[in-house]
């Protein structure tokens, strides 16, 4: 839950809602925690990386890459030079990269969920009750749905 020792109610609602979605989708507690951590780590890592980028458009990415890795280092770092050359041709679209990797993560999480369902014969322990794969989500604990912040500028809520 990030680095805050006292997260606000919006932050707690968000985390609770994500865990509810995973648990009610059939993940065991342990697998829901794994999936949550993968999504959370990826999202925060990407946000931090994007915030520190030295470019804003795919076209600017090549210029920045050239500054960071001058041609004099081509023999020592041939694969990084290749990145610089290719970025010069097509640029680096951060949104495309984010979505591609997120799809890979989500596909992996779904594969784990399916493996878990297969290994337990389609039964998962959800909130202390065994439910078959087709059981309604309402059989588990009642969880509030994710709610948008009433005032997104109130950082103290998050």
Protein backbone atom coordinates (compact mmCIF):
# COMPACT_ATOMS: atom_id res chain seq x y z
CA UNK A 1 0.00 0.00 0.00
CA UNK A 2 2.68 2.41 -1.06
CA UNK A 3 4.89 4.04 1.56
CA UNK A 4 2.29 5.82 3.68
CA UNK A 5 1.77 4.61 7.21
CA UNK A 6 -1.78 5.97 7.27
CA UNK A 7 -3.43 5.64 3.85
CA UNK A 8 -6.60 7.64 3.33
CA UNK A 9 -10.09 6.20 2.82
CA UNK A 10 -9.98 6.50 -0.99
CA UNK A 11 -6.72 4.56 -1.06
CA UNK A 12 -8.14 1.86 1.21
CA UNK A 13 -11.34 1.62 -0.89
CA UNK A 14 -9.22 1.21 -4.03
CA UNK A 15 -7.09 -1.58 -2.56
CA UNK A 16 -10.15 -3.30 -1.09
CA UNK A 17 -12.02 -3.12 -4.41
CA UNK A 18 -9.11 -4.61 -6.36
CA UNK A 19 -8.79 -7.48 -3.87
CA UNK A 20 -12.57 -7.99 -4.03
CA UNK A 21 -12.45 -8.23 -7.84
CA UNK A 22 -9.66 -10.79 -7.71
CA UNK A 23 -11.19 -12.90 -4.92
CA UNK A 24 -14.65 -12.87 -6.51
CA UNK A 25 -13.10 -13.83 -9.86
CA UNK A 26 -12.03 -17.10 -8.25
CA UNK A 27 -8.49 -16.40 -7.07
CA UNK A 28 -7.42 -17.97 -3.82
CA UNK A 29 -6.18 -15.53 -1.22
CA UNK A 30 -2.53 -16.26 -2.04
CA UNK A 31 -3.00 -15.94 -5.82
CA UNK A 32 -5.05 -12.73 -5.39
CA UNK A 33 -2.18 -11.23 -3.40
CA UNK A 34 0.31 -12.30 -6.10
CA UNK A 35 -1.85 -10.83 -8.87
CA UNK A 36 -2.48 -7.63 -6.92
CA UNK A 37 1.24 -7.16 -6.24
CA UNK A 38 2.15 -7.71 -9.89
CA UNK A 39 -0.42 -5.16 -11.09
CA UNK A 40 0.38 -2.67 -8.35
CA UNK A 41 4.16 -2.92 -8.81
CA UNK A 42 3.91 -2.60 -12.57
CA UNK A 43 1.55 0.37 -12.45
CA UNK A 44 3.58 2.30 -9.89
CA UNK A 45 6.86 1.43 -11.58
CA UNK A 46 5.61 2.66 -14.94
CA UNK A 47 4.20 5.84 -13.40
CA UNK A 48 7.53 6.59 -11.73
CA UNK A 49 9.49 5.83 -14.89
CA UNK A 50 7.19 7.91 -17.08
CA UNK A 51 7.45 10.84 -14.67
CA UNK A 52 11.25 10.79 -14.99
CA UNK A 53 11.38 10.49 -18.80
CA UNK A 54 13.23 13.22 -20.61
CA UNK A 55 10.81 13.23 -23.56
CA UNK A 56 7.09 13.61 -24.11
CA UNK A 57 6.55 12.35 -27.65
CA UNK A 58 7.77 9.29 -29.55
CA UNK A 59 9.68 11.59 -31.88
CA UNK A 60 11.62 13.19 -29.04
CA UNK A 61 12.66 9.78 -27.71
CA UNK A 62 15.31 9.29 -30.42
CA UNK A 63 16.95 12.63 -29.66
CA UNK A 64 17.15 11.80 -25.97
CA UNK A 65 18.48 8.32 -26.67
CA UNK A 66 21.26 9.76 -28.83
CA UNK A 67 22.25 12.18 -26.06
CA UNK A 68 22.40 9.35 -23.52
CA UNK A 69 24.44 6.99 -25.69
CA UNK A 70 26.87 8.70 -28.06
CA UNK A 71 28.10 6.83 -31.18
CA UNK A 72 31.60 6.55 -29.63
CA UNK A 73 30.23 3.77 -27.40
CA UNK A 74 28.91 1.65 -30.31
CA UNK A 75 31.54 -1.09 -29.98
CA UNK A 76 31.02 -1.48 -26.25
CA UNK A 77 27.20 -1.34 -26.26
CA UNK A 78 26.00 -2.56 -29.67
CA UNK A 79 22.50 -3.52 -28.55
CA UNK A 80 21.87 -0.18 -26.88
CA UNK A 81 23.09 1.57 -30.03
CA UNK A 82 20.58 -0.52 -31.94
CA UNK A 83 17.86 0.83 -29.63
CA UNK A 84 18.98 4.39 -30.37
CA UNK A 85 18.97 3.77 -34.14
CA UNK A 86 15.56 2.10 -34.11
CA UNK A 87 14.02 4.78 -31.88
CA UNK A 88 15.23 7.25 -34.48
CA UNK A 89 13.14 5.41 -37.06
CA UNK A 90 9.92 4.81 -35.21
CA UNK A 91 10.12 6.57 -31.82
CA UNK A 92 9.12 5.22 -28.44
CA UNK A 93 5.43 5.31 -27.68
CA UNK A 94 5.14 4.96 -23.93
CA UNK A 95 1.41 4.27 -24.03
CA UNK A 96 1.86 1.39 -26.49
CA UNK A 97 4.65 -0.08 -24.36
CA UNK A 98 2.56 0.21 -21.20
CA UNK A 99 -0.46 -1.46 -22.80
CA UNK A 100 1.59 -4.27 -24.34
CA UNK A 101 3.26 -5.16 -21.05
CA UNK A 102 -0.04 -4.82 -19.14
CA UNK A 103 -1.64 -7.29 -21.57
CA UNK A 104 1.23 -9.71 -20.92
CA UNK A 105 0.73 -9.37 -17.16
CA UNK A 106 -3.06 -9.76 -17.38
CA UNK A 107 -2.69 -12.81 -19.65
CA UNK A 108 -0.28 -14.31 -17.14
CA UNK A 109 -2.64 -13.63 -14.24
CA UNK A 110 -5.51 -15.23 -16.15
CA UNK A 111 -3.32 -18.26 -16.92
CA UNK A 112 -2.53 -18.61 -13.20
CA UNK A 113 -6.23 -18.33 -12.34
CA UNK A 114 -7.07 -21.05 -14.87
CA UNK A 115 -4.27 -23.29 -13.55
CA UNK A 116 -5.54 -22.80 -10.03
CA UNK A 117 -9.11 -23.65 -11.06
CA UNK A 118 -7.91 -26.74 -12.93
CA UNK A 119 -5.77 -27.95 -10.03
CA UNK A 120 -8.69 -27.63 -7.60
CA UNK A 121 -11.31 -29.12 -9.91
CA UNK A 122 -12.96 -25.74 -10.51
CA UNK A 123 -13.39 -25.01 -6.82
CA UNK A 124 -11.83 -22.09 -5.00
CA UNK A 125 -11.95 -20.98 -1.42
CA UNK A 126 -13.56 -17.55 -1.43
CA UNK A 127 -14.13 -15.81 1.89
CA UNK A 128 -14.16 -19.08 3.78
CA UNK A 129 -16.66 -20.83 1.51
CA UNK A 130 -15.90 -23.21 -1.34
CA UNK A 131 -17.53 -22.01 -4.51
CA UNK A 132 -17.62 -23.77 -7.82
CA UNK A 133 -16.34 -21.88 -10.85
CA UNK A 134 -19.86 -20.99 -11.95
CA UNK A 135 -21.13 -19.79 -8.58
CA UNK A 136 -22.43 -16.25 -8.41
CA UNK A 137 -20.03 -13.66 -7.05
CA UNK A 138 -22.67 -12.61 -4.53
CA UNK A 139 -21.97 -15.84 -2.64
CA UNK A 140 -18.75 -14.24 -1.40
CA UNK A 141 -18.48 -11.28 0.94
CA UNK A 142 -20.25 -8.13 -0.10
CA UNK A 143 -17.63 -5.66 -1.33
CA UNK A 144 -18.17 -2.05 -2.31
CA UNK A 145 -17.48 -1.22 -5.92
CA UNK A 146 -14.60 1.11 -6.75
CA UNK A 147 -15.82 4.68 -6.50
CA UNK A 148 -14.20 7.66 -8.22
CA UNK A 149 -12.90 10.38 -5.94
CA UNK A 150 -15.48 13.08 -5.38
CA UNK A 151 -12.69 15.64 -5.54
CA UNK A 152 -9.54 14.27 -7.24
CA UNK A 153 -7.55 17.26 -5.94
CA UNK A 154 -7.92 16.07 -2.35
CA UNK A 155 -4.65 14.13 -2.11
CA UNK A 156 -5.18 13.56 1.60
CA UNK A 157 -8.01 11.15 0.77
CA UNK A 158 -5.76 8.89 -1.32
